Amino acid sequence: MSEITKESRAERAIACHNKAYNCAQSVAFAFLDKVDIDPETLFKVTEGLGLGMGGMEGTCGAISAAAVLAGLKISTADLEKPNSKGTSYKAAKACIAAFKEKNSTIVCRELKGVDTGKVLRACLTASVMLLPLSKKICFRKNNQKTYCSPGKAPGGHPAKKGSSFIQ
């Protein structure tokens, strides 16, 4: 099976968002093929994360989905001796740091410019922006410890078919 391209993942996220999936669901479903979870469960797990955890007051749903993906991919799921939390936490923290470096906040309300009138990041572009960050953090090859570096996030321009900003 061939590797899904970055552009295909972006198109998948956009298609999900256009079907009224929230930002968290759109990011998560762009990587459904990379995690061991059925679509219905992933949909349910990420539903409450959209719209800044339901009321724009919390963390952006797209970045929350990246943390969910980190856990789904990195966790050993050892129920007797939880031993992978540190690695999952590092991955989530790195993605949050890169997103915050690029956007100055991870709070939905601030990203949408609700109080200021200045939109820092729209839902769809936040979702598409997170695709390469999620891939670098959660889906590295050969279990290399490669995390996002602040300042190396993609430009976050609106996604267009064939766009080259998705790294």
N, C-alpha and C. Protein backbone atom coordinates (compact mmCIF):
# COMPACT_ATOMS: atom_id res chain seq x y z
N MET A 1 0.85 -1.18 0.00
CA MET A 1 0.00 0.00 0.00
C MET A 1 0.89 1.24 0.00
N SER A 2 0.59 2.19 -0.83
CA SER A 2 1.42 3.38 -0.93
C SER A 2 1.10 4.37 0.19
N GLU A 3 2.09 5.16 0.52
CA GLU A 3 1.96 6.19 1.55
C GLU A 3 1.00 7.28 1.06
N ILE A 4 0.12 7.70 1.93
CA ILE A 4 -0.79 8.79 1.60
C ILE A 4 0.00 10.08 1.62
N THR A 5 -0.16 10.89 0.60
CA THR A 5 0.61 12.13 0.50
C THR A 5 0.09 13.18 1.46
N LYS A 6 0.91 14.17 1.71
CA LYS A 6 0.53 15.29 2.57
C LYS A 6 -0.70 16.00 2.00
N GLU A 7 -0.70 16.17 0.69
CA GLU A 7 -1.82 16.83 0.05
C GLU A 7 -3.10 16.01 0.21
N SER A 8 -2.98 14.69 0.12
CA SER A 8 -4.14 13.82 0.31
C SER A 8 -4.67 13.92 1.73
N ARG A 9 -3.78 14.00 2.71
CA ARG A 9 -4.22 14.15 4.11
C ARG A 9 -4.95 15.49 4.29
N ALA A 10 -4.41 16.53 3.67
CA ALA A 10 -5.07 17.84 3.75
C ALA A 10 -6.44 17.78 3.09
N GLU A 11 -6.51 17.14 1.93
CA GLU A 11 -7.80 17.00 1.25
C GLU A 11 -8.78 16.20 2.10
N ARG A 12 -8.28 15.17 2.79
CA ARG A 12 -9.14 14.37 3.65
C ARG A 12 -9.67 15.22 4.81
N ALA A 13 -8.79 16.01 5.42
CA ALA A 13 -9.21 16.88 6.53
C ALA A 13 -10.24 17.90 6.06
N ILE A 14 -10.00 18.48 4.91
CA ILE A 14 -10.94 19.47 4.36
C ILE A 14 -12.28 18.81 4.04
N ALA A 15 -12.23 17.62 3.45
CA ALA A 15 -13.47 16.91 3.12
C ALA A 15 -14.27 16.59 4.39
N CYS A 16 -13.57 16.18 5.44
CA CYS A 16 -14.26 15.90 6.71
C CYS A 16 -14.88 17.18 7.27
N HIS A 17 -14.12 18.26 7.24
CA HIS A 17 -14.64 19.53 7.76
C HIS A 17 -15.86 19.98 6.94
N ASN A 18 -15.79 19.77 5.64
CA ASN A 18 -16.92 20.12 4.77
C ASN A 18 -18.15 19.26 5.02
N LYS A 19 -17.95 18.08 5.62
CA LYS A 19 -19.07 17.20 5.97
C LYS A 19 -19.58 17.51 7.38
N ALA A 20 -19.13 18.62 7.95
CA ALA A 20 -19.54 19.09 9.27
C ALA A 20 -18.84 18.36 10.42
N TYR A 21 -17.72 17.68 10.14
CA TYR A 21 -16.89 17.18 11.23
C TYR A 21 -16.27 18.41 11.88
N ASN A 22 -16.02 18.36 13.17
CA ASN A 22 -15.37 19.50 13.80
C ASN A 22 -13.87 19.47 13.53
N CYS A 23 -13.16 20.48 14.00
CA CYS A 23 -11.74 20.59 13.71
C CYS A 23 -10.94 19.41 14.26
N ALA A 24 -11.28 18.94 15.46
CA ALA A 24 -10.58 17.80 16.05
C ALA A 24 -10.82 16.54 15.22
N GLN A 25 -12.06 16.32 14.83
CA GLN A 25 -12.38 15.15 14.03
C GLN A 25 -11.70 15.20 12.67
N SER A 26 -11.62 16.38 12.08
CA SER A 26 -10.98 16.54 10.77
C SER A 26 -9.51 16.17 10.82
N VAL A 27 -8.80 16.64 11.84
CA VAL A 27 -7.38 16.31 11.98
C VAL A 27 -7.23 14.81 12.28
N ALA A 28 -8.01 14.30 13.20
CA ALA A 28 -7.89 12.89 13.58
C ALA A 28 -8.16 11.97 12.39
N PHE A 29 -9.19 12.28 11.61
CA PHE A 29 -9.54 11.41 10.48
C PHE A 29 -8.53 11.50 9.34
N ALA A 30 -7.76 12.55 9.29
CA ALA A 30 -6.70 12.62 8.28
C ALA A 30 -5.64 11.55 8.53
N PHE A 31 -5.58 11.03 9.76
CA PHE A 31 -4.60 10.01 10.12
C PHE A 31 -5.25 8.71 10.57
N LEU A 32 -6.50 8.51 10.23
CA LEU A 32 -7.20 7.30 10.65
C LEU A 32 -6.45 6.04 10.24
N ASP A 33 -5.82 6.07 9.08
CA ASP A 33 -5.09 4.90 8.59
C ASP A 33 -3.83 4.60 9.40
N LYS A 34 -3.41 5.52 10.26
CA LYS A 34 -2.18 5.35 11.02
C LYS A 34 -2.41 4.91 12.47
N VAL A 35 -3.64 4.89 12.90
CA VAL A 35 -3.92 4.53 14.29
C VAL A 35 -4.84 3.31 14.35
N ASP A 36 -4.72 2.58 15.44
CA ASP A 36 -5.48 1.35 15.62
C ASP A 36 -6.76 1.64 16.39
N ILE A 37 -7.74 2.22 15.68
CA ILE A 37 -9.02 2.56 16.28
C ILE A 37 -10.06 2.59 15.17
N ASP A 38 -11.27 2.17 15.51
CA ASP A 38 -12.31 2.17 14.48
C ASP A 38 -12.84 3.59 14.31
N PRO A 39 -13.36 3.90 13.13
CA PRO A 39 -13.81 5.27 12.83
C PRO A 39 -14.88 5.80 13.79
N GLU A 40 -15.81 4.96 14.17
CA GLU A 40 -16.88 5.42 15.06
C GLU A 40 -16.33 5.84 16.42
N THR A 41 -15.38 5.06 16.96
CA THR A 41 -14.80 5.40 18.25
C THR A 41 -13.98 6.68 18.16
N LEU A 42 -13.18 6.82 17.09
CA LEU A 42 -12.40 8.03 16.92
C LEU A 42 -13.31 9.25 16.80
N PHE A 43 -14.40 9.09 16.06
CA PHE A 43 -15.36 10.18 15.91
C PHE A 43 -15.92 10.59 17.27
N LYS A 44 -16.30 9.62 18.08
CA LYS A 44 -16.86 9.90 19.40
C LYS A 44 -15.83 10.53 20.34
N VAL A 45 -14.61 9.99 20.33
CA VAL A 45 -13.55 10.47 21.23
C VAL A 45 -13.21 11.93 20.95
N THR A 46 -13.25 12.33 19.70
CA THR A 46 -12.84 13.68 19.33
C THR A 46 -14.00 14.67 19.24
N GLU A 47 -15.23 14.19 19.34
CA GLU A 47 -16.38 15.08 19.17
C GLU A 47 -16.42 16.21 20.19
N GLY A 48 -16.18 15.92 21.44
CA GLY A 48 -16.25 16.94 22.49
C GLY A 48 -15.09 17.92 22.48
N LEU A 49 -14.09 17.67 21.65
CA LEU A 49 -12.93 18.55 21.60
C LEU A 49 -13.12 19.73 20.65
N GLY A 50 -14.08 19.63 19.75
CA GLY A 50 -14.32 20.69 18.77
C GLY A 50 -14.81 21.97 19.43
N LEU A 51 -14.63 23.07 18.72
CA LEU A 51 -15.04 24.39 19.18
C LEU A 51 -14.41 24.72 20.54
N GLY A 52 -13.12 24.45 20.64
CA GLY A 52 -12.41 24.76 21.88
C GLY A 52 -13.00 24.04 23.07
N MET A 53 -13.25 22.76 22.90
CA MET A 53 -13.86 21.90 23.91
C MET A 53 -15.29 22.31 24.21
N GLY A 54 -15.97 22.72 23.17
CA GLY A 54 -17.40 22.93 23.24
C GLY A 54 -17.88 24.35 23.44
N GLY A 55 -17.03 25.26 23.79
CA GLY A 55 -17.52 26.61 24.03
C GLY A 55 -16.54 27.71 23.70
N MET A 56 -15.55 27.40 22.90
CA MET A 56 -14.51 28.34 22.48
C MET A 56 -13.63 28.84 23.62
N GLU A 57 -13.85 28.38 24.83
CA GLU A 57 -13.05 28.84 25.96
C GLU A 57 -11.78 28.02 26.13
N GLY A 58 -11.76 26.81 25.56
CA GLY A 58 -10.65 25.89 25.78
C GLY A 58 -9.69 25.82 24.62
N THR A 59 -8.88 24.79 24.67
CA THR A 59 -7.86 24.54 23.66
C THR A 59 -8.50 24.23 22.32
N CYS A 60 -7.92 24.75 21.27
CA CYS A 60 -8.34 24.51 19.90
C CYS A 60 -8.51 23.00 19.68
N GLY A 61 -9.61 22.62 19.07
CA GLY A 61 -9.88 21.22 18.82
C GLY A 61 -8.85 20.56 17.93
N ALA A 62 -8.32 21.29 16.97
CA ALA A 62 -7.33 20.72 16.07
C ALA A 62 -6.06 20.31 16.83
N ILE A 63 -5.62 21.16 17.74
CA ILE A 63 -4.42 20.83 18.52
C ILE A 63 -4.74 19.74 19.54
N SER A 64 -5.96 19.72 20.05
CA SER A 64 -6.37 18.65 20.96
C SER A 64 -6.33 17.31 20.24
N ALA A 65 -6.75 17.29 18.98
CA ALA A 65 -6.70 16.06 18.19
C ALA A 65 -5.27 15.58 18.01
N ALA A 66 -4.34 16.50 17.86
CA ALA A 66 -2.93 16.10 17.73
C ALA A 66 -2.47 15.38 19.00
N ALA A 67 -2.93 15.84 20.16
CA ALA A 67 -2.59 15.16 21.41
C ALA A 67 -3.23 13.78 21.47
N VAL A 68 -4.47 13.67 21.00
CA VAL A 68 -5.14 12.37 20.94
C VAL A 68 -4.36 11.42 20.02
N LEU A 69 -3.96 11.91 18.86
CA LEU A 69 -3.19 11.10 17.92
C LEU A 69 -1.87 10.64 18.54
N ALA A 70 -1.23 11.52 19.30
CA ALA A 70 0.03 11.15 19.96
C ALA A 70 -0.21 9.96 20.88
N GLY A 71 -1.24 10.03 21.69
CA GLY A 71 -1.55 8.93 22.58
C GLY A 71 -1.91 7.65 21.84
N LEU A 72 -2.72 7.77 20.80
CA LEU A 72 -3.12 6.60 20.04
C LEU A 72 -1.94 5.91 19.37
N LYS A 73 -0.99 6.68 18.92
CA LYS A 73 0.15 6.11 18.22
C LYS A 73 1.28 5.69 19.15
N ILE A 74 1.54 6.45 20.18
CA ILE A 74 2.73 6.25 21.01
C ILE A 74 2.46 5.34 22.21
N SER A 75 1.28 5.40 22.76
CA SER A 75 0.99 4.65 23.98
C SER A 75 1.22 3.15 23.82
N THR A 76 1.77 2.54 24.86
CA THR A 76 1.95 1.09 24.87
C THR A 76 0.66 0.40 25.33
N ALA A 77 -0.27 1.16 25.88
CA ALA A 77 -1.54 0.63 26.39
C ALA A 77 -1.32 -0.44 27.45
N ASP A 78 -0.24 -0.33 28.19
CA ASP A 78 0.03 -1.26 29.29
C ASP A 78 -0.80 -0.82 30.49
N LEU A 79 -1.89 -1.50 30.72
CA LEU A 79 -2.81 -1.11 31.79
C LEU A 79 -2.26 -1.41 33.18
N GLU A 80 -1.38 -2.39 33.28
CA GLU A 80 -0.80 -2.74 34.58
C GLU A 80 0.34 -1.82 34.98
N LYS A 81 1.14 -1.43 34.02
CA LYS A 81 2.29 -0.55 34.28
C LYS A 81 2.35 0.53 33.20
N PRO A 82 1.54 1.56 33.34
CA PRO A 82 1.56 2.63 32.32
C PRO A 82 2.97 3.20 32.18
N ASN A 83 3.57 2.96 31.02
CA ASN A 83 4.99 3.29 30.86
C ASN A 83 5.29 4.21 29.68
N SER A 84 4.27 4.70 29.01
CA SER A 84 4.53 5.51 27.82
C SER A 84 4.02 6.94 27.96
N LYS A 85 3.51 7.29 29.13
CA LYS A 85 2.94 8.64 29.30
C LYS A 85 3.96 9.73 28.99
N GLY A 86 5.16 9.58 29.50
CA GLY A 86 6.18 10.60 29.28
C GLY A 86 6.43 10.88 27.82
N THR A 87 6.51 9.82 27.03
CA THR A 87 6.75 9.98 25.60
C THR A 87 5.56 10.63 24.91
N SER A 88 4.35 10.21 25.29
CA SER A 88 3.14 10.83 24.73
C SER A 88 3.06 12.30 25.12
N TYR A 89 3.38 12.60 26.37
CA TYR A 89 3.34 14.00 26.84
C TYR A 89 4.34 14.86 26.07
N LYS A 90 5.54 14.33 25.84
CA LYS A 90 6.56 15.09 25.09
C LYS A 90 6.09 15.39 23.68
N ALA A 91 5.48 14.40 23.05
CA ALA A 91 4.99 14.60 21.69
C ALA A 91 3.89 15.66 21.66
N ALA A 92 2.93 15.56 22.57
CA ALA A 92 1.84 16.54 22.62
C ALA A 92 2.40 17.93 22.93
N LYS A 93 3.31 18.02 23.88
CA LYS A 93 3.90 19.30 24.26
C LYS A 93 4.64 19.94 23.09
N ALA A 94 5.37 19.13 22.33
CA ALA A 94 6.11 19.66 21.18
C ALA A 94 5.16 20.21 20.12
N CYS A 95 4.08 19.51 19.88
CA CYS A 95 3.13 19.97 18.87
C CYS A 95 2.45 21.26 19.33
N ILE A 96 2.08 21.32 20.60
CA ILE A 96 1.46 22.52 21.15
C ILE A 96 2.43 23.70 21.07
N ALA A 97 3.69 23.46 21.40
CA ALA A 97 4.69 24.54 21.35
C ALA A 97 4.86 25.08 19.94
N ALA A 98 4.90 24.18 18.96
CA ALA A 98 5.05 24.62 17.57
C ALA A 98 3.83 25.40 17.10
N PHE A 99 2.64 24.93 17.47
CA PHE A 99 1.41 25.62 17.11
C PHE A 99 1.34 26.99 17.77
N LYS A 100 1.70 27.04 19.05
CA LYS A 100 1.65 28.31 19.79
C LYS A 100 2.70 29.29 19.26
N GLU A 101 3.85 28.79 18.89
CA GLU A 101 4.90 29.64 18.31
C GLU A 101 4.38 30.30 17.03
N LYS A 102 3.65 29.57 16.25
CA LYS A 102 3.14 30.07 14.98
C LYS A 102 1.94 31.00 15.16
N ASN A 103 1.09 30.71 16.16
CA ASN A 103 -0.20 31.40 16.28
C ASN A 103 -0.33 32.25 17.54
N SER A 104 0.60 32.19 18.44
CA SER A 104 0.66 32.92 19.70
C SER A 104 -0.34 32.46 20.75
N THR A 105 -1.20 31.51 20.42
CA THR A 105 -2.16 30.99 21.39
C THR A 105 -2.66 29.62 20.92
N ILE A 106 -3.22 28.87 21.86
CA ILE A 106 -3.88 27.61 21.51
C ILE A 106 -5.36 27.66 21.90
N VAL A 107 -5.82 28.81 22.37
CA VAL A 107 -7.20 28.97 22.81
C VAL A 107 -8.09 29.29 21.61
N CYS A 108 -9.12 28.51 21.44
CA CYS A 108 -10.03 28.64 20.29
C CYS A 108 -10.54 30.07 20.12
N ARG A 109 -11.06 30.63 21.16
CA ARG A 109 -11.66 31.97 21.13
C ARG A 109 -10.66 33.02 20.64
N GLU A 110 -9.42 32.91 21.10
CA GLU A 110 -8.38 33.85 20.68
C GLU A 110 -7.97 33.62 19.23
N LEU A 111 -7.89 32.35 18.83
CA LEU A 111 -7.56 32.03 17.44
C LEU A 111 -8.61 32.59 16.49
N LYS A 112 -9.87 32.50 16.88
CA LYS A 112 -10.98 32.97 16.04
C LYS A 112 -11.18 34.48 16.15
N GLY A 113 -10.49 35.15 17.05
CA GLY A 113 -10.60 36.60 17.18
C GLY A 113 -11.95 37.07 17.68
N VAL A 114 -12.59 36.26 18.50
CA VAL A 114 -13.93 36.58 18.99
C VAL A 114 -13.95 37.91 19.73
N ASP A 115 -12.98 38.16 20.59
CA ASP A 115 -12.96 39.38 21.39
C ASP A 115 -12.25 40.54 20.71
N THR A 116 -11.31 40.24 19.83
CA THR A 116 -10.49 41.29 19.22
C THR A 116 -10.92 41.65 17.80
N GLY A 117 -11.64 40.74 17.15
CA GLY A 117 -12.00 40.95 15.75
C GLY A 117 -10.88 40.59 14.80
N LYS A 118 -9.73 40.16 15.34
CA LYS A 118 -8.59 39.78 14.52
C LYS A 118 -8.45 38.26 14.55
N VAL A 119 -8.79 37.63 13.44
CA VAL A 119 -8.69 36.17 13.34
C VAL A 119 -7.22 35.79 13.19
N LEU A 120 -6.73 35.00 14.13
CA LEU A 120 -5.35 34.53 14.06
C LEU A 120 -5.25 33.25 13.23
N ARG A 121 -6.27 32.41 13.33
CA ARG A 121 -6.28 31.15 12.60
C ARG A 121 -7.71 30.65 12.52
N ALA A 122 -8.20 30.42 11.33
CA ALA A 122 -9.54 29.87 11.15
C ALA A 122 -9.50 28.36 11.40
N CYS A 123 -10.63 27.80 11.74
CA CYS A 123 -10.71 26.37 12.04
C CYS A 123 -10.08 25.50 10.96
N LEU A 124 -10.47 25.70 9.74
CA LEU A 124 -10.00 24.85 8.67
C LEU A 124 -8.50 24.98 8.47
N THR A 125 -7.96 26.18 8.52
CA THR A 125 -6.51 26.33 8.32
C THR A 125 -5.76 25.80 9.53
N ALA A 126 -6.34 25.88 10.72
CA ALA A 126 -5.71 25.28 11.90
C ALA A 126 -5.63 23.77 11.72
N SER A 127 -6.71 23.19 11.22
CA SER A 127 -6.74 21.75 10.99
C SER A 127 -5.68 21.33 9.98
N VAL A 128 -5.63 22.03 8.86
CA VAL A 128 -4.67 21.69 7.81
C VAL A 128 -3.25 21.96 8.27
N MET A 129 -3.04 23.02 9.03
CA MET A 129 -1.71 23.34 9.53
C MET A 129 -1.17 22.23 10.43
N LEU A 130 -2.04 21.59 11.17
CA LEU A 130 -1.61 20.56 12.11
C LEU A 130 -1.23 19.25 11.46
N LEU A 131 -1.62 19.02 10.24
CA LEU A 131 -1.32 17.74 9.61
C LEU A 131 0.17 17.44 9.58
N PRO A 132 1.00 18.35 9.09
CA PRO A 132 2.43 18.02 9.08
C PRO A 132 3.02 17.95 10.48
N LEU A 133 2.52 18.75 11.40
CA LEU A 133 3.02 18.68 12.77
C LEU A 133 2.70 17.31 13.36
N SER A 134 1.48 16.85 13.18
CA SER A 134 1.07 15.55 13.70
C SER A 134 1.90 14.44 13.09
N LYS A 135 2.16 14.54 11.80
CA LYS A 135 2.95 13.49 11.15
C LYS A 135 4.37 13.47 11.69
N LYS A 136 4.99 14.63 11.86
CA LYS A 136 6.36 14.68 12.36
C LYS A 136 6.46 14.13 13.77
N ILE A 137 5.45 14.38 14.58
CA ILE A 137 5.50 13.97 15.98
C ILE A 137 5.08 12.53 16.17
N CYS A 138 3.94 12.16 15.64
CA CYS A 138 3.34 10.87 15.95
C CYS A 138 3.73 9.76 15.00
N PHE A 139 4.06 10.09 13.79
CA PHE A 139 4.21 9.05 12.79
C PHE A 139 5.61 9.04 12.17
N ARG A 140 6.61 9.27 13.00
CA ARG A 140 7.99 9.25 12.53
C ARG A 140 8.37 7.81 12.18
N LYS A 141 9.32 7.64 11.30
CA LYS A 141 9.73 6.32 10.86
C LYS A 141 10.76 5.74 11.83
N ASN A 142 10.75 4.44 11.97
CA ASN A 142 11.72 3.70 12.78
C ASN A 142 11.78 4.17 14.22
N ASN A 143 10.67 4.66 14.75
CA ASN A 143 10.58 5.12 16.14
C ASN A 143 11.65 6.15 16.50
N GLN A 144 12.10 6.94 15.53
CA GLN A 144 13.05 8.00 15.83
C GLN A 144 12.37 9.04 16.68
N LYS A 145 13.09 9.61 17.62
CA LYS A 145 12.51 10.64 18.47
C LYS A 145 12.68 11.99 17.79
N THR A 146 11.79 12.26 16.86
CA THR A 146 11.81 13.51 16.12
C THR A 146 10.55 14.27 16.45
N TYR A 147 10.70 15.40 17.10
CA TYR A 147 9.55 16.19 17.48
C TYR A 147 9.58 17.51 16.72
N CYS A 148 8.45 18.19 16.74
CA CYS A 148 8.37 19.48 16.07
C CYS A 148 9.28 20.48 16.77
N SER A 149 9.84 21.36 16.00
CA SER A 149 10.62 22.45 16.56
C SER A 149 9.83 23.73 16.39
N PRO A 150 9.71 24.54 17.46
CA PRO A 150 9.00 25.81 17.31
C PRO A 150 9.59 26.61 16.17
N GLY A 151 8.72 27.26 15.42
CA GLY A 151 9.17 28.08 14.30
C GLY A 151 9.28 27.30 13.00
N LYS A 152 9.07 25.99 13.04
CA LYS A 152 9.19 25.19 11.82
C LYS A 152 7.82 24.70 11.35
N ALA A 153 6.78 25.29 11.85
CA ALA A 153 5.43 24.93 11.40
C ALA A 153 5.20 25.52 10.02
N PRO A 154 4.34 24.89 9.23
CA PRO A 154 4.07 25.42 7.90
C PRO A 154 3.31 26.73 7.97
N GLY A 155 3.18 27.37 6.83
CA GLY A 155 2.61 28.71 6.77
C GLY A 155 1.16 28.87 7.15
N GLY A 156 0.37 27.83 7.08
CA GLY A 156 -1.02 27.93 7.48
C GLY A 156 -1.92 28.64 6.49
N HIS A 157 -1.50 28.75 5.24
CA HIS A 157 -2.34 29.37 4.23
C HIS A 157 -3.50 28.44 3.92
N PRO A 158 -4.61 28.97 3.43
CA PRO A 158 -5.72 28.10 3.08
C PRO A 158 -5.28 27.00 2.11
N ALA A 159 -5.72 25.79 2.37
CA ALA A 159 -5.31 24.66 1.54
C ALA A 159 -6.00 24.69 0.19
N LYS A 160 -5.23 24.42 -0.81
CA LYS A 160 -5.76 24.29 -2.16
C LYS A 160 -5.20 23.00 -2.73
N LYS A 161 -5.94 22.39 -3.60
CA LYS A 161 -5.48 21.14 -4.19
C LYS A 161 -4.10 21.35 -4.81
N GLY A 162 -3.18 20.48 -4.41
CA GLY A 162 -1.83 20.57 -4.94
C GLY A 162 -0.96 21.62 -4.28
N SER A 163 -1.45 22.24 -3.20
CA SER A 163 -0.64 23.29 -2.57
C SER A 163 0.64 22.68 -1.99
N SER A 164 1.70 23.44 -2.02
CA SER A 164 3.00 22.91 -1.61
C SER A 164 3.39 23.28 -0.20
N PHE A 165 2.56 24.05 0.52
CA PHE A 165 2.96 24.45 1.86
C PHE A 165 2.85 23.32 2.85
N ILE A 166 2.11 22.28 2.55
CA ILE A 166 1.92 21.19 3.49
C ILE A 166 3.19 20.35 3.49
N GLN A 167 3.93 20.47 4.57
CA GLN A 167 5.25 19.83 4.63
C GLN A 167 5.20 18.53 5.36
